[in-house]
Amino acid sequence: MGKLGKLGITEENILACKLPEYEQGKNLVQAEDDMFGRTQHMTPATLSCWLRLKQSAENEGITLQLVSAFRSIDYQCELIAAKLEKGQDLAQILSVNAIPGFSEHHTGRALDISTPDCEPLSEAFEKTPAFKWLQANASRFDFTLSFPRGNTSGISYEPWHWACQSLD
């Protein structure tokens, strides 16, 4: 169990996980900086789809911002460790953060998206014109909402989390 065991993640947690295990993305390319100024990486196909999606939205007066993209397994461990250090309960953490190795972000095909004047990674995003635009148009660019309301994955509703279905 190694790193997972140090986080308190047990075999029971893994067996209960309803998400598939993902391999870490390879041949990732540098994308734009996210809204916090951090350099992001994604697959070449995802970058192509993202740039077309973002430009199409912009052409219709909608601004989309990248919050995050590729996340390594080690970084996923760090995110969970930081939340544990703040006193958050592991079960609560695992309802919003996948077990390391089970996050779509590991593939380089998942993006967290926001828009100006909206707190990133919040359900408030669903009330924005940007979210409504994504619902109507994202599929044209091979993006799907990964965790819709009422999903059975064990992950809470995430209106900001979209995954590119195009493979490289």
Protein backbone atom coordinates (compact mmCIF):
# COMPACT_ATOMS: atom_id res chain seq x y z
CA MET A 1 0.00 0.00 0.00
CA GLY A 2 2.99 2.34 0.54
CA LYS A 3 1.94 5.93 -0.13
CA LEU A 4 -1.75 5.14 0.16
CA GLY A 5 -1.30 3.46 3.53
CA LYS A 6 0.48 6.55 4.84
CA LEU A 7 -2.65 8.52 3.95
CA GLY A 8 -4.86 6.07 5.83
CA ILE A 9 -6.29 4.68 2.59
CA THR A 10 -6.98 1.00 3.11
CA GLU A 11 -7.62 -1.97 0.87
CA GLU A 12 -11.26 -1.57 1.90
CA ASN A 13 -11.27 2.00 0.50
CA ILE A 14 -9.82 0.74 -2.77
CA LEU A 15 -12.31 -2.12 -3.06
CA ALA A 16 -15.18 0.31 -2.39
CA CYS A 17 -13.92 2.74 -5.04
CA LYS A 18 -16.27 2.88 -8.01
CA LEU A 19 -13.78 4.67 -10.24
CA PRO A 20 -11.48 2.87 -12.67
CA GLU A 21 -7.77 2.85 -12.05
CA TYR A 22 -5.95 5.18 -14.46
CA GLU A 23 -2.42 5.06 -15.77
CA GLN A 24 -0.46 8.26 -15.54
CA GLY A 25 -0.47 10.10 -18.87
CA LYS A 26 2.54 9.89 -21.13
CA ASN A 27 3.74 12.25 -23.85
CA LEU A 28 1.95 15.18 -22.26
CA VAL A 29 2.44 18.62 -23.73
CA GLN A 30 2.69 21.97 -22.02
CA ALA A 31 -0.55 23.89 -22.20
CA GLU A 32 -1.36 27.38 -21.04
CA ASP A 33 -0.92 28.52 -17.47
CA ASP A 34 -3.97 28.03 -15.31
CA MET A 35 -5.84 30.88 -13.61
CA PHE A 36 -3.30 30.75 -10.75
CA GLY A 37 -0.27 31.09 -13.03
CA ARG A 38 0.76 27.42 -12.79
CA THR A 39 1.92 25.70 -15.97
CA GLN A 40 -0.46 22.90 -16.92
CA HIS A 41 0.05 19.79 -19.03
CA MET A 42 -2.37 17.61 -20.98
CA THR A 43 -2.41 15.17 -23.86
CA PRO A 44 -1.91 16.65 -27.33
CA ALA A 45 -5.49 15.72 -28.32
CA THR A 46 -6.88 17.30 -25.16
CA LEU A 47 -4.93 20.50 -25.78
CA SER A 48 -6.26 20.68 -29.34
CA CYS A 49 -9.86 20.10 -28.18
CA TRP A 50 -9.47 22.58 -25.28
CA LEU A 51 -8.13 25.36 -27.50
CA ARG A 52 -10.98 24.89 -30.00
CA LEU A 53 -13.57 24.72 -27.17
CA LYS A 54 -12.20 27.82 -25.47
CA GLN A 55 -12.04 29.81 -28.73
CA SER A 56 -15.57 28.83 -29.72
CA ALA A 57 -16.86 29.92 -26.31
CA GLU A 58 -14.93 33.18 -26.58
CA ASN A 59 -16.46 33.80 -30.03
CA GLU A 60 -19.85 33.66 -28.29
CA GLY A 61 -18.83 35.99 -25.45
CA ILE A 62 -18.07 33.24 -22.91
CA THR A 63 -14.73 33.19 -21.07
CA LEU A 64 -13.48 29.80 -19.94
CA GLN A 65 -10.52 29.55 -17.56
CA LEU A 66 -8.35 26.54 -16.89
CA VAL A 67 -8.18 25.69 -13.18
CA SER A 68 -6.18 22.47 -13.48
CA ALA A 69 -5.34 19.64 -15.86
CA PHE A 70 -2.83 16.77 -15.45
CA ARG A 71 -2.22 15.72 -11.89
CA SER A 72 0.42 13.12 -11.03
CA ILE A 73 -0.29 10.32 -8.59
CA ASP A 74 2.27 11.87 -6.23
CA TYR A 75 0.53 15.26 -6.42
CA GLN A 76 -2.82 13.60 -5.73
CA CYS A 77 -1.24 12.12 -2.59
CA GLU A 78 -0.01 15.59 -1.59
CA LEU A 79 -3.50 17.08 -2.02
CA ILE A 80 -5.02 14.45 0.24
CA ALA A 81 -2.21 14.75 2.80
CA ALA A 82 -2.71 18.54 2.98
CA LYS A 83 -6.43 18.09 3.64
CA LEU A 84 -5.74 15.48 6.31
CA GLU A 85 -3.28 17.87 7.97
CA LYS A 86 -6.07 20.47 8.09
CA GLY A 87 -8.17 17.96 10.03
CA GLN A 88 -10.54 16.90 7.27
CA ASP A 89 -12.05 13.43 7.49
CA LEU A 90 -10.72 10.90 4.96
CA ALA A 91 -14.23 9.80 3.90
CA GLN A 92 -15.14 13.42 3.17
CA ILE A 93 -11.91 13.95 1.24
CA LEU A 94 -12.51 10.85 -0.88
CA SER A 95 -15.94 12.17 -1.86
CA VAL A 96 -14.25 15.05 -3.69
CA ASN A 97 -10.73 13.74 -4.38
CA ALA A 98 -10.19 10.38 -6.02
CA ILE A 99 -7.86 7.86 -4.43
CA PRO A 100 -4.41 8.36 -5.98
CA GLY A 101 -4.29 6.16 -9.06
CA PHE A 102 -8.05 6.54 -9.64
CA SER A 103 -8.20 10.19 -10.74
CA GLU A 104 -9.09 11.07 -14.31
CA HIS A 105 -6.59 13.91 -13.94
CA HIS A 106 -3.77 11.33 -14.06
CA THR A 107 -4.55 10.73 -17.75
CA GLY A 108 -3.93 14.30 -18.89
CA ARG A 109 -7.44 14.35 -20.38
CA ALA A 110 -9.41 15.85 -17.46
CA LEU A 111 -9.74 19.59 -17.01
CA ASP A 112 -11.19 21.66 -14.20
CA ILE A 113 -12.80 24.73 -15.76
CA SER A 114 -14.09 28.00 -14.34
CA THR A 115 -14.99 31.48 -15.50
CA PRO A 116 -14.21 34.99 -14.16
CA ASP A 117 -16.26 36.09 -11.16
CA CYS A 118 -16.90 32.50 -10.05
CA GLU A 119 -15.09 30.77 -7.22
CA PRO A 120 -13.15 27.94 -8.86
CA LEU A 121 -14.13 24.37 -7.98
CA SER A 122 -17.50 25.42 -6.58
CA GLU A 123 -21.02 24.33 -7.43
CA ALA A 124 -21.75 28.01 -8.13
CA PHE A 125 -20.19 27.34 -11.54
CA GLU A 126 -23.39 25.54 -12.60
CA LYS A 127 -25.27 28.84 -12.41
CA THR A 128 -22.93 30.63 -14.84
CA PRO A 129 -23.43 31.24 -18.56
CA ALA A 130 -20.12 29.37 -19.04
CA PHE A 131 -21.54 26.15 -17.58
CA LYS A 132 -24.71 26.46 -19.61
CA TRP A 133 -22.57 26.98 -22.72
CA LEU A 134 -20.49 23.89 -21.87
CA GLN A 135 -23.62 21.79 -21.38
CA ALA A 136 -24.85 22.79 -24.82
CA ASN A 137 -21.53 22.70 -26.70
CA ALA A 138 -18.79 20.69 -24.97
CA SER A 139 -19.66 17.45 -26.73
CA ARG A 140 -18.87 19.08 -30.11
CA PHE A 141 -15.28 19.30 -28.86
CA ASP A 142 -15.20 15.77 -27.36
CA PHE A 143 -15.65 16.91 -23.74
CA THR A 144 -18.08 15.34 -21.30
CA LEU A 145 -19.03 16.23 -17.74
CA SER A 146 -17.41 13.51 -15.62
CA PHE A 147 -19.37 13.84 -12.38
CA PRO A 148 -22.92 15.05 -13.04
CA ARG A 149 -25.44 15.46 -10.27
CA GLY A 150 -26.60 12.02 -9.07
CA ASN A 151 -23.62 10.14 -10.52
CA THR A 152 -22.84 6.74 -8.99
CA SER A 153 -19.04 7.08 -8.88
CA GLY A 154 -18.85 8.07 -5.23
CA ILE A 155 -17.49 11.49 -6.23
CA SER A 156 -19.62 14.52 -5.43
CA TYR A 157 -21.21 16.58 -8.20
CA GLU A 158 -18.47 18.57 -9.97
CA PRO A 159 -19.84 20.94 -12.62
CA TRP A 160 -16.28 22.15 -13.30
CA HIS A 161 -14.72 18.73 -14.13
CA TRP A 162 -14.78 17.90 -17.85
CA ALA A 163 -12.87 15.13 -19.63
CA CYS A 164 -11.76 14.95 -23.24
CA GLN A 165 -12.76 11.70 -24.91
CA SER A 166 -10.33 12.09 -27.84
CA LEU A 167 -7.40 9.74 -27.60
CA ASP A 168 -3.94 10.47 -28.97
